[in-house]
Structures are given as C-alpha cells and as structure tokens.
Amino acid sequence: MSSNQPPIPGYIDYQRREFCKDVKCEIQTNLDNLQDAKEGSASYEEIRNICKTDCRYTTYQFHHWLIEKGYLIVRSKI
C-alpha cells in the first residue's frame, strides 16, 4: 500500500498486484515469468509499462473485485 498509515486493527491492506494475480492477468503472468529481470530492469519495466498505460482491466472491474473480496475503501480524517 502506498500509504504510510498502519493497517486498521483486525484488517489487512491490499497487496500490490493482488488483483492482477487473482484474475490471472496475462501481463502480470509475463512479469512473474521473467527469469533474470528484476523490478527496475529494462525488460521488467518494458512489460510493466503496459500496466501503467494500457491496463487490460477497468476501474469498475477492480472496484467490484475489491467488494467481492471483502475489502473496504477507507480514508483518514486528516
């Protein structure tokens, strides 16, 4: 999670790319299958850039996946 806030007691935070892995996104599968490429390497970032600019899924799909998995979207009062 990008927030510096600790998780709410009794809850867990969404883990980065959890949705992508659960829906078996082909781009995520390609990232997972890279043998020698580490995050930040040219080959990794080339594939990762697809996610940043041309995600195969919509925010609607992501939001409904969160609901189905029992996630809550919360924000700080501050």
N, C-alpha and C. Protein backbone atom coordinates (compact mmCIF):
# COMPACT_ATOMS: atom_id res chain seq x y z
N MET A 1 0.84 -1.18 0.00
CA MET A 1 0.00 0.00 0.00
C MET A 1 0.88 1.23 0.00
N SER A 2 0.48 2.27 -0.68
CA SER A 2 1.31 3.46 -0.79
C SER A 2 1.20 4.37 0.43
N SER A 3 0.24 4.14 1.29
CA SER A 3 0.05 4.96 2.47
C SER A 3 1.07 4.61 3.54
N ASN A 4 1.43 5.59 4.34
CA ASN A 4 2.31 5.33 5.47
C ASN A 4 1.51 4.98 6.72
N GLN A 5 0.20 4.91 6.59
CA GLN A 5 -0.67 4.58 7.70
C GLN A 5 -0.58 3.10 8.01
N PRO A 6 -0.58 2.76 9.31
CA PRO A 6 -0.63 1.33 9.64
C PRO A 6 -2.01 0.78 9.32
N PRO A 7 -2.11 -0.54 9.10
CA PRO A 7 -3.43 -1.11 8.82
C PRO A 7 -4.37 -0.91 9.99
N ILE A 8 -5.64 -0.87 9.70
CA ILE A 8 -6.66 -0.78 10.75
C ILE A 8 -6.62 -2.10 11.51
N PRO A 9 -6.62 -2.06 12.84
CA PRO A 9 -6.59 -3.31 13.60
C PRO A 9 -7.71 -4.26 13.17
N GLY A 10 -7.33 -5.51 12.95
CA GLY A 10 -8.29 -6.52 12.53
C GLY A 10 -8.50 -6.61 11.03
N TYR A 11 -7.81 -5.75 10.28
CA TYR A 11 -7.94 -5.72 8.82
C TYR A 11 -6.57 -5.88 8.19
N ILE A 12 -6.54 -6.25 6.92
CA ILE A 12 -5.29 -6.31 6.17
C ILE A 12 -5.35 -5.32 5.02
N ASP A 13 -4.20 -4.84 4.60
CA ASP A 13 -4.13 -3.94 3.46
C ASP A 13 -4.06 -4.74 2.17
N TYR A 14 -4.56 -4.13 1.12
CA TYR A 14 -4.43 -4.69 -0.23
C TYR A 14 -2.95 -4.77 -0.56
N GLN A 15 -2.53 -5.89 -1.10
CA GLN A 15 -1.15 -6.06 -1.52
C GLN A 15 -1.01 -5.72 -3.00
N ARG A 16 0.03 -5.03 -3.33
CA ARG A 16 0.27 -4.60 -4.70
C ARG A 16 0.14 -5.78 -5.66
N ARG A 17 -0.59 -5.60 -6.72
CA ARG A 17 -0.84 -6.55 -7.80
C ARG A 17 -1.64 -7.78 -7.38
N GLU A 18 -2.26 -7.74 -6.22
CA GLU A 18 -3.09 -8.85 -5.76
C GLU A 18 -4.23 -9.12 -6.75
N PHE A 19 -4.88 -8.06 -7.21
CA PHE A 19 -5.95 -8.19 -8.20
C PHE A 19 -5.41 -8.84 -9.48
N CYS A 20 -4.30 -8.34 -9.97
CA CYS A 20 -3.72 -8.82 -11.22
C CYS A 20 -3.42 -10.31 -11.15
N LYS A 21 -2.88 -10.74 -10.02
CA LYS A 21 -2.55 -12.15 -9.86
C LYS A 21 -3.82 -12.99 -9.73
N ASP A 22 -4.81 -12.49 -9.02
CA ASP A 22 -6.03 -13.25 -8.80
C ASP A 22 -6.82 -13.46 -10.10
N VAL A 23 -6.86 -12.44 -10.95
CA VAL A 23 -7.60 -12.57 -12.21
C VAL A 23 -6.74 -13.16 -13.32
N LYS A 24 -5.52 -13.52 -12.94
CA LYS A 24 -4.57 -14.13 -13.88
C LYS A 24 -4.33 -13.26 -15.12
N CYS A 25 -4.06 -12.00 -14.85
CA CYS A 25 -3.75 -11.06 -15.93
C CYS A 25 -2.52 -11.55 -16.70
N GLU A 26 -2.63 -11.55 -18.01
CA GLU A 26 -1.53 -12.05 -18.84
C GLU A 26 -0.27 -11.20 -18.69
N ILE A 27 -0.43 -9.92 -18.45
CA ILE A 27 0.74 -9.04 -18.27
C ILE A 27 1.44 -9.39 -16.96
N GLN A 28 0.67 -9.58 -15.90
CA GLN A 28 1.25 -9.97 -14.62
C GLN A 28 1.93 -11.32 -14.73
N THR A 29 1.32 -12.25 -15.46
CA THR A 29 1.93 -13.57 -15.67
C THR A 29 3.27 -13.42 -16.39
N ASN A 30 3.33 -12.54 -17.37
CA ASN A 30 4.59 -12.28 -18.07
C ASN A 30 5.64 -11.74 -17.11
N LEU A 31 5.24 -10.82 -16.23
CA LEU A 31 6.18 -10.27 -15.25
C LEU A 31 6.67 -11.37 -14.31
N ASP A 32 5.75 -12.20 -13.85
CA ASP A 32 6.11 -13.28 -12.93
C ASP A 32 7.04 -14.30 -13.58
N ASN A 33 6.94 -14.46 -14.89
CA ASN A 33 7.73 -15.46 -15.59
C ASN A 33 9.09 -14.97 -16.07
N LEU A 34 9.37 -13.69 -15.87
CA LEU A 34 10.70 -13.19 -16.26
C LEU A 34 11.74 -13.84 -15.38
N GLN A 35 12.69 -14.51 -15.97
CA GLN A 35 13.68 -15.27 -15.21
C GLN A 35 14.75 -14.37 -14.57
N ASP A 36 15.36 -13.53 -15.37
CA ASP A 36 16.51 -12.77 -14.89
C ASP A 36 16.20 -11.29 -14.66
N ALA A 37 14.98 -10.89 -14.95
CA ALA A 37 14.66 -9.47 -14.85
C ALA A 37 14.15 -9.13 -13.45
N LYS A 38 14.75 -8.16 -12.87
CA LYS A 38 14.33 -7.67 -11.56
C LYS A 38 13.53 -6.39 -11.76
N GLU A 39 12.71 -6.07 -10.76
CA GLU A 39 11.95 -4.82 -10.82
C GLU A 39 12.94 -3.68 -11.02
N GLY A 40 12.66 -2.83 -11.99
CA GLY A 40 13.54 -1.72 -12.31
C GLY A 40 14.42 -2.00 -13.52
N SER A 41 14.60 -3.27 -13.89
CA SER A 41 15.40 -3.59 -15.07
C SER A 41 14.64 -3.17 -16.33
N ALA A 42 15.35 -3.00 -17.42
CA ALA A 42 14.74 -2.54 -18.67
C ALA A 42 13.66 -3.51 -19.15
N SER A 43 13.94 -4.81 -19.12
CA SER A 43 12.94 -5.78 -19.62
C SER A 43 11.71 -5.81 -18.72
N TYR A 44 11.91 -5.72 -17.43
CA TYR A 44 10.79 -5.69 -16.49
C TYR A 44 9.93 -4.45 -16.72
N GLU A 45 10.59 -3.30 -16.77
CA GLU A 45 9.87 -2.03 -16.92
C GLU A 45 9.16 -1.92 -18.26
N GLU A 46 9.71 -2.55 -19.29
CA GLU A 46 9.05 -2.54 -20.60
C GLU A 46 7.67 -3.22 -20.51
N ILE A 47 7.63 -4.35 -19.83
CA ILE A 47 6.35 -5.05 -19.66
C ILE A 47 5.47 -4.30 -18.66
N ARG A 48 6.05 -3.85 -17.58
CA ARG A 48 5.30 -3.13 -16.54
C ARG A 48 4.65 -1.87 -17.09
N ASN A 49 5.28 -1.25 -18.06
CA ASN A 49 4.73 -0.03 -18.66
C ASN A 49 3.37 -0.29 -19.31
N ILE A 50 3.12 -1.51 -19.76
CA ILE A 50 1.80 -1.86 -20.32
C ILE A 50 0.74 -1.65 -19.25
N CYS A 51 1.04 -2.07 -18.04
CA CYS A 51 0.09 -1.89 -16.93
C CYS A 51 -0.18 -0.41 -16.66
N LYS A 52 0.86 0.36 -16.72
CA LYS A 52 0.74 1.79 -16.42
C LYS A 52 -0.04 2.55 -17.48
N THR A 53 0.08 2.13 -18.73
CA THR A 53 -0.52 2.92 -19.82
C THR A 53 -1.69 2.25 -20.53
N ASP A 54 -1.79 0.92 -20.40
CA ASP A 54 -2.81 0.20 -21.17
C ASP A 54 -3.34 -1.01 -20.41
N CYS A 55 -3.76 -0.79 -19.16
CA CYS A 55 -4.27 -1.88 -18.33
C CYS A 55 -5.43 -2.58 -19.04
N ARG A 56 -5.44 -3.90 -18.95
CA ARG A 56 -6.47 -4.71 -19.61
C ARG A 56 -7.80 -4.71 -18.85
N TYR A 57 -7.79 -4.18 -17.63
CA TYR A 57 -8.98 -4.19 -16.79
C TYR A 57 -9.40 -2.75 -16.47
N THR A 58 -10.67 -2.61 -16.10
CA THR A 58 -11.21 -1.28 -15.81
C THR A 58 -11.24 -1.04 -14.30
N THR A 59 -11.35 0.21 -13.92
CA THR A 59 -11.51 0.53 -12.50
C THR A 59 -12.80 -0.08 -11.97
N TYR A 60 -13.82 -0.16 -12.81
CA TYR A 60 -15.09 -0.80 -12.42
C TYR A 60 -14.83 -2.26 -12.02
N GLN A 61 -14.09 -2.98 -12.86
CA GLN A 61 -13.78 -4.39 -12.56
C GLN A 61 -12.96 -4.49 -11.27
N PHE A 62 -11.98 -3.62 -11.11
CA PHE A 62 -11.14 -3.63 -9.92
C PHE A 62 -11.97 -3.32 -8.68
N HIS A 63 -12.79 -2.31 -8.75
CA HIS A 63 -13.62 -1.91 -7.60
C HIS A 63 -14.55 -3.06 -7.19
N HIS A 64 -15.17 -3.70 -8.15
CA HIS A 64 -16.08 -4.80 -7.82
C HIS A 64 -15.33 -6.04 -7.32
N TRP A 65 -14.12 -6.23 -7.79
CA TRP A 65 -13.28 -7.30 -7.25
C TRP A 65 -12.99 -7.03 -5.78
N LEU A 66 -12.64 -5.78 -5.46
CA LEU A 66 -12.38 -5.41 -4.06
C LEU A 66 -13.59 -5.72 -3.18
N ILE A 67 -14.78 -5.37 -3.66
CA ILE A 67 -16.00 -5.62 -2.90
C ILE A 67 -16.20 -7.12 -2.71
N GLU A 68 -16.04 -7.89 -3.78
CA GLU A 68 -16.22 -9.35 -3.71
C GLU A 68 -15.25 -9.99 -2.73
N LYS A 69 -14.05 -9.43 -2.61
CA LYS A 69 -13.03 -9.98 -1.72
C LYS A 69 -13.15 -9.44 -0.30
N GLY A 70 -14.12 -8.55 -0.07
CA GLY A 70 -14.35 -8.03 1.28
C GLY A 70 -13.50 -6.85 1.68
N TYR A 71 -12.85 -6.21 0.70
CA TYR A 71 -12.05 -5.02 1.02
C TYR A 71 -12.96 -3.82 1.25
N LEU A 72 -12.51 -2.94 2.12
CA LEU A 72 -13.18 -1.67 2.36
C LEU A 72 -12.26 -0.56 1.89
N ILE A 73 -12.84 0.46 1.34
CA ILE A 73 -12.03 1.62 0.95
C ILE A 73 -12.26 2.68 2.02
N VAL A 74 -11.18 3.03 2.70
CA VAL A 74 -11.28 3.99 3.79
C VAL A 74 -10.28 5.12 3.57
N ARG A 75 -10.52 6.21 4.25
CA ARG A 75 -9.54 7.30 4.20
C ARG A 75 -9.44 7.94 5.56
N SER A 76 -8.33 8.54 5.79
CA SER A 76 -8.06 9.19 7.06
C SER A 76 -8.88 10.47 7.17
N LYS A 77 -9.19 10.87 8.39
CA LYS A 77 -9.91 12.14 8.61
C LYS A 77 -9.03 13.32 8.25
N ILE A 78 -7.73 13.11 8.26
CA ILE A 78 -6.79 14.21 8.02
C ILE A 78 -6.63 14.43 6.55
